[in-house]
Amino acid sequence: YAENVTAVEGQMRFDCVRVNGSISRLAVTLNLPGRHNVLNALAAIAVATEVGIDDVRIREALRRFAGVKRRLEVVGVADGVTVYDDFAHHPTAVAETLNGLRAANPSARIWAVFEPRSASSCRRVFQDDFARAFGGADRVLIAPVFRSTLPEHERLSVPQLIADLNDAGQQATAPASLDEIVDAVVAGHRPGDLVVLMSNGGFGGIHKRLLAALAPPAPR
């Protein structure tokens, strides 16, 4: 288990406590934000310890680990805005991603841009859970539901989600297209903002489109 967990400049630092007849401690620095990454690291430490890997190698491997593709992956920085790609597509993943980024960047303004695309996220089964999942963001943009052919009584209600988020004090809108999402971020951004694009698909290539739109024009 983990003790003394702290978030420092994008890192998670903690003491891993192992109990197996005796108690041993391992001080860990992980260059990834979020409580969920601490839990992942604990699982990795448990396996590594079980197969006999020494503490020096465990500590160094975790320190060097840069994460996996599409999990808060930085895709670029433009006009002072950092744009992330994240595979989050259900409420738990959305909440953990945003809460981890918030803990690592307490004073930054965070934009959560979410595409309901997966089989579950397109449906009302998580309607209320999504209304609670975006608490770590300052601005929330919800794209149109990808599976638009679902019957209305089964399909996630984006208008209801926006209303619930705004009632909870979020600043949430539902742009009608990817172009409108890009326009909203370009019009409302300021240096230091963090924009997290969340989808389990390609999100229409919005990542490069947003970076290109944010980039200041080249001098002539």
Protein backbone atom coordinates (compact mmCIF):
# COMPACT_ATOMS: atom_id res chain seq x y z
CA TYR A 1 0.00 0.00 0.00
CA ALA A 2 1.05 3.64 -0.40
CA GLU A 3 1.74 6.20 2.31
CA ASN A 4 2.81 9.84 2.22
CA VAL A 5 1.41 10.35 -1.28
CA THR A 6 2.11 13.83 -2.67
CA ALA A 7 1.72 15.45 -6.09
CA VAL A 8 4.68 17.66 -6.99
CA GLU A 9 5.10 19.36 -10.38
CA GLY A 10 3.52 16.57 -12.39
CA GLN A 11 5.09 13.81 -10.31
CA MET A 12 3.58 11.46 -7.76
CA ARG A 13 5.85 10.71 -4.81
CA PHE A 14 4.98 8.07 -2.24
CA ASP A 15 6.30 5.39 0.07
CA CYS A 16 5.39 1.86 -0.95
CA VAL A 17 4.91 -0.24 2.19
CA ARG A 18 5.28 -4.01 1.75
CA VAL A 19 4.21 -6.47 4.43
CA ASN A 20 5.40 -10.05 4.04
CA GLY A 21 6.48 -11.37 7.40
CA SER A 22 8.33 -8.08 7.87
CA ILE A 23 7.71 -4.51 6.73
CA SER A 24 9.82 -2.84 4.07
CA ARG A 25 9.51 0.60 2.53
CA LEU A 26 10.40 1.82 -0.93
CA ALA A 27 10.43 5.55 -1.74
CA VAL A 28 9.03 6.01 -5.25
CA THR A 29 8.97 8.93 -7.67
CA LEU A 30 6.60 8.50 -10.60
CA ASN A 31 6.68 11.00 -13.47
CA LEU A 32 2.93 10.65 -14.04
CA PRO A 33 0.09 12.46 -12.26
CA GLY A 34 -2.89 10.91 -10.54
CA ARG A 35 -3.91 8.50 -7.81
CA HIS A 36 -4.71 5.87 -10.44
CA ASN A 37 -1.05 5.84 -11.51
CA VAL A 38 0.02 5.29 -7.91
CA LEU A 39 -2.28 2.25 -7.80
CA ASN A 40 -0.86 0.99 -11.09
CA ALA A 41 2.67 1.43 -9.74
CA LEU A 42 1.81 -0.52 -6.58
CA ALA A 43 0.66 -3.44 -8.72
CA ALA A 44 3.89 -3.29 -10.73
CA ILE A 45 5.98 -3.19 -7.54
CA ALA A 46 4.13 -6.20 -6.13
CA VAL A 47 4.82 -8.27 -9.25
CA ALA A 48 8.44 -7.12 -9.51
CA THR A 49 9.07 -7.93 -5.85
CA GLU A 50 7.48 -11.36 -6.22
CA VAL A 51 9.78 -12.32 -9.10
CA GLY A 52 12.88 -11.11 -7.29
CA ILE A 53 13.70 -7.77 -8.93
CA ASP A 54 15.73 -5.63 -6.54
CA ASP A 55 14.57 -2.28 -5.18
CA VAL A 56 17.14 -0.21 -7.08
CA ARG A 57 15.89 -1.51 -10.42
CA ILE A 58 12.24 -1.13 -9.39
CA ARG A 59 12.72 2.46 -8.28
CA GLU A 60 14.68 3.43 -11.39
CA ALA A 61 12.24 1.74 -13.78
CA LEU A 62 9.30 3.59 -12.26
CA ARG A 63 11.18 6.90 -12.29
CA ARG A 64 11.93 6.48 -16.00
CA PHE A 65 8.50 5.21 -17.01
CA ALA A 66 6.90 7.80 -19.32
CA GLY A 67 3.43 6.30 -19.46
CA VAL A 68 1.56 4.71 -22.35
CA LYS A 69 0.15 6.13 -25.54
CA ARG A 70 -3.18 7.96 -25.26
CA ARG A 71 -3.09 8.27 -21.48
CA LEU A 72 -2.63 12.01 -20.88
CA GLU A 73 -0.25 11.97 -23.82
CA VAL A 74 0.97 15.46 -24.73
CA VAL A 75 0.32 15.90 -28.44
CA GLY A 76 1.61 19.44 -28.63
CA VAL A 77 1.81 22.95 -27.24
CA ALA A 78 0.59 26.02 -29.15
CA ASP A 79 0.18 29.62 -28.02
CA GLY A 80 0.91 28.55 -24.44
CA VAL A 81 -1.79 25.86 -24.43
CA THR A 82 -0.87 22.22 -23.75
CA VAL A 83 -3.05 19.74 -25.62
CA TYR A 84 -3.42 16.18 -24.32
CA ASP A 85 -4.88 13.05 -25.87
CA ASP A 86 -6.58 10.64 -23.49
CA PHE A 87 -8.47 7.40 -24.09
CA ALA A 88 -10.95 8.07 -21.26
CA HIS A 89 -14.44 6.98 -22.33
CA HIS A 90 -16.28 6.08 -19.12
CA PRO A 91 -16.96 8.18 -15.99
CA THR A 92 -14.30 6.61 -13.75
CA ALA A 93 -11.55 7.16 -16.31
CA VAL A 94 -12.73 10.72 -17.00
CA ALA A 95 -12.79 11.57 -13.29
CA GLU A 96 -9.41 9.98 -12.48
CA THR A 97 -7.74 11.63 -15.47
CA LEU A 98 -9.04 15.10 -14.64
CA ASN A 99 -8.46 14.78 -10.89
CA GLY A 100 -4.90 13.63 -11.48
CA LEU A 101 -4.20 16.51 -13.84
CA ARG A 102 -5.78 18.94 -11.37
CA ALA A 103 -3.65 17.64 -8.48
CA ALA A 104 -0.52 18.10 -10.58
CA ASN A 105 -1.58 21.53 -11.83
CA PRO A 106 -3.64 23.16 -9.08
CA SER A 107 -3.58 26.67 -10.55
CA ALA A 108 -4.03 25.82 -14.24
CA ARG A 109 -7.28 26.17 -16.12
CA ILE A 110 -8.33 22.76 -17.45
CA TRP A 111 -10.55 22.19 -20.48
CA ALA A 112 -12.21 18.77 -20.76
CA VAL A 113 -13.31 18.05 -24.33
CA PHE A 114 -15.22 14.76 -24.42
CA GLU A 115 -16.58 12.69 -27.29
CA PRO A 116 -19.21 10.11 -26.24
CA ARG A 117 -18.10 7.41 -28.66
CA SER A 118 -17.79 3.99 -27.01
CA ALA A 119 -20.73 1.58 -26.84
CA SER A 120 -21.36 2.44 -23.19
CA SER A 121 -20.62 6.18 -23.18
CA CYS A 122 -23.14 6.75 -25.99
CA ARG A 123 -25.89 5.33 -23.80
CA ARG A 124 -27.85 6.71 -20.85
CA VAL A 125 -26.49 4.02 -18.53
CA PHE A 126 -23.85 6.53 -17.33
CA GLN A 127 -25.97 9.68 -17.60
CA ASP A 128 -25.77 10.60 -13.91
CA ASP A 129 -22.20 9.36 -13.50
CA PHE A 130 -20.96 11.62 -16.30
CA ALA A 131 -22.63 14.58 -14.57
CA ARG A 132 -20.24 13.97 -11.65
CA ALA A 133 -17.14 12.93 -13.59
CA PHE A 134 -15.99 16.33 -14.88
CA GLY A 135 -15.45 17.99 -11.49
CA GLY A 136 -11.71 18.41 -12.08
CA ALA A 137 -12.24 20.64 -15.13
CA ASP A 138 -12.94 24.37 -15.38
CA ARG A 139 -14.44 24.23 -18.88
CA VAL A 140 -16.30 21.24 -20.34
CA LEU A 141 -17.14 20.78 -24.01
CA ILE A 142 -19.24 17.75 -24.96
CA ALA A 143 -19.15 16.68 -28.61
CA PRO A 144 -22.17 15.12 -30.34
CA VAL A 145 -22.90 11.49 -29.49
CA PHE A 146 -21.03 9.35 -32.02
CA ARG A 147 -23.70 6.62 -32.26
CA SER A 148 -26.44 9.00 -33.27
CA THR A 149 -28.68 6.19 -34.58
CA LEU A 150 -29.38 4.89 -31.09
CA PRO A 151 -33.01 5.31 -30.01
CA GLU A 152 -33.43 8.53 -28.06
CA HIS A 153 -34.52 6.73 -24.89
CA GLU A 154 -31.22 4.78 -24.94
CA ARG A 155 -28.90 7.54 -26.14
CA LEU A 156 -26.91 9.74 -23.75
CA SER A 157 -28.70 13.05 -23.43
CA VAL A 158 -26.08 15.72 -24.05
CA PRO A 159 -28.51 18.61 -23.28
CA GLN A 160 -29.33 17.02 -19.90
CA LEU A 161 -25.63 16.45 -19.20
CA ILE A 162 -24.83 20.09 -19.99
CA ALA A 163 -27.68 21.28 -17.77
CA ASP A 164 -26.53 19.08 -14.88
CA LEU A 165 -22.92 20.24 -15.22
CA ASN A 166 -23.92 23.90 -15.26
CA ASP A 167 -26.22 23.36 -12.27
CA ALA A 168 -23.19 21.93 -10.44
CA GLY A 169 -21.18 25.08 -11.15
CA GLN A 170 -19.26 23.86 -14.19
CA GLN A 171 -18.96 25.98 -17.32
CA ALA A 172 -20.22 23.49 -19.89
CA THR A 173 -21.38 23.73 -23.49
CA ALA A 174 -22.24 21.33 -26.32
CA PRO A 175 -20.75 22.53 -29.63
CA ALA A 176 -22.54 21.05 -32.63
CA SER A 177 -19.39 20.11 -34.55
CA LEU A 178 -15.64 19.67 -34.25
CA ASP A 179 -15.14 23.02 -35.96
CA GLU A 180 -17.23 24.67 -33.25
CA ILE A 181 -15.17 22.92 -30.55
CA VAL A 182 -11.95 24.22 -32.09
CA ASP A 183 -13.42 27.71 -32.42
CA ALA A 184 -14.53 27.70 -28.77
CA VAL A 185 -11.09 26.77 -27.47
CA VAL A 186 -9.33 29.24 -29.76
CA ALA A 187 -11.67 32.05 -28.72
CA GLY A 188 -11.56 31.29 -25.00
CA HIS A 189 -8.01 30.07 -24.34
CA ARG A 190 -5.24 31.81 -22.50
CA PRO A 191 -1.58 30.89 -21.96
CA GLY A 192 -1.14 28.13 -19.40
CA ASP A 193 -4.42 26.38 -20.22
CA LEU A 194 -4.50 22.57 -20.39
CA VAL A 195 -6.86 20.98 -22.93
CA VAL A 196 -7.67 17.27 -22.57
CA LEU A 197 -9.26 15.65 -25.62
CA MET A 198 -11.01 12.48 -24.44
CA SER A 199 -12.29 9.76 -26.76
CA ASN A 200 -11.74 6.07 -27.41
CA GLY A 201 -11.51 6.85 -31.13
CA GLY A 202 -9.75 9.29 -33.41
CA PHE A 203 -12.08 12.18 -32.50
CA GLY A 204 -12.09 13.31 -36.12
CA GLY A 205 -8.44 14.33 -36.04
CA ILE A 206 -9.27 17.23 -33.74
CA HIS A 207 -5.86 17.11 -32.06
CA LYS A 208 -3.90 18.44 -35.05
CA ARG A 209 -6.72 20.75 -36.08
CA LEU A 210 -6.78 22.38 -32.67
CA LEU A 211 -3.00 22.79 -32.50
CA ALA A 212 -2.95 24.31 -35.98
CA ALA A 213 -5.74 26.73 -35.09
CA LEU A 214 -4.02 27.78 -31.85
CA ALA A 215 -0.65 28.35 -33.50
CA PRO A 216 0.02 32.05 -34.06
CA PRO A 217 0.46 33.03 -37.72
CA ALA A 218 4.02 32.90 -38.99
CA PRO A 219 5.65 36.31 -39.45
CA ARG A 220 5.87 37.53 -43.06
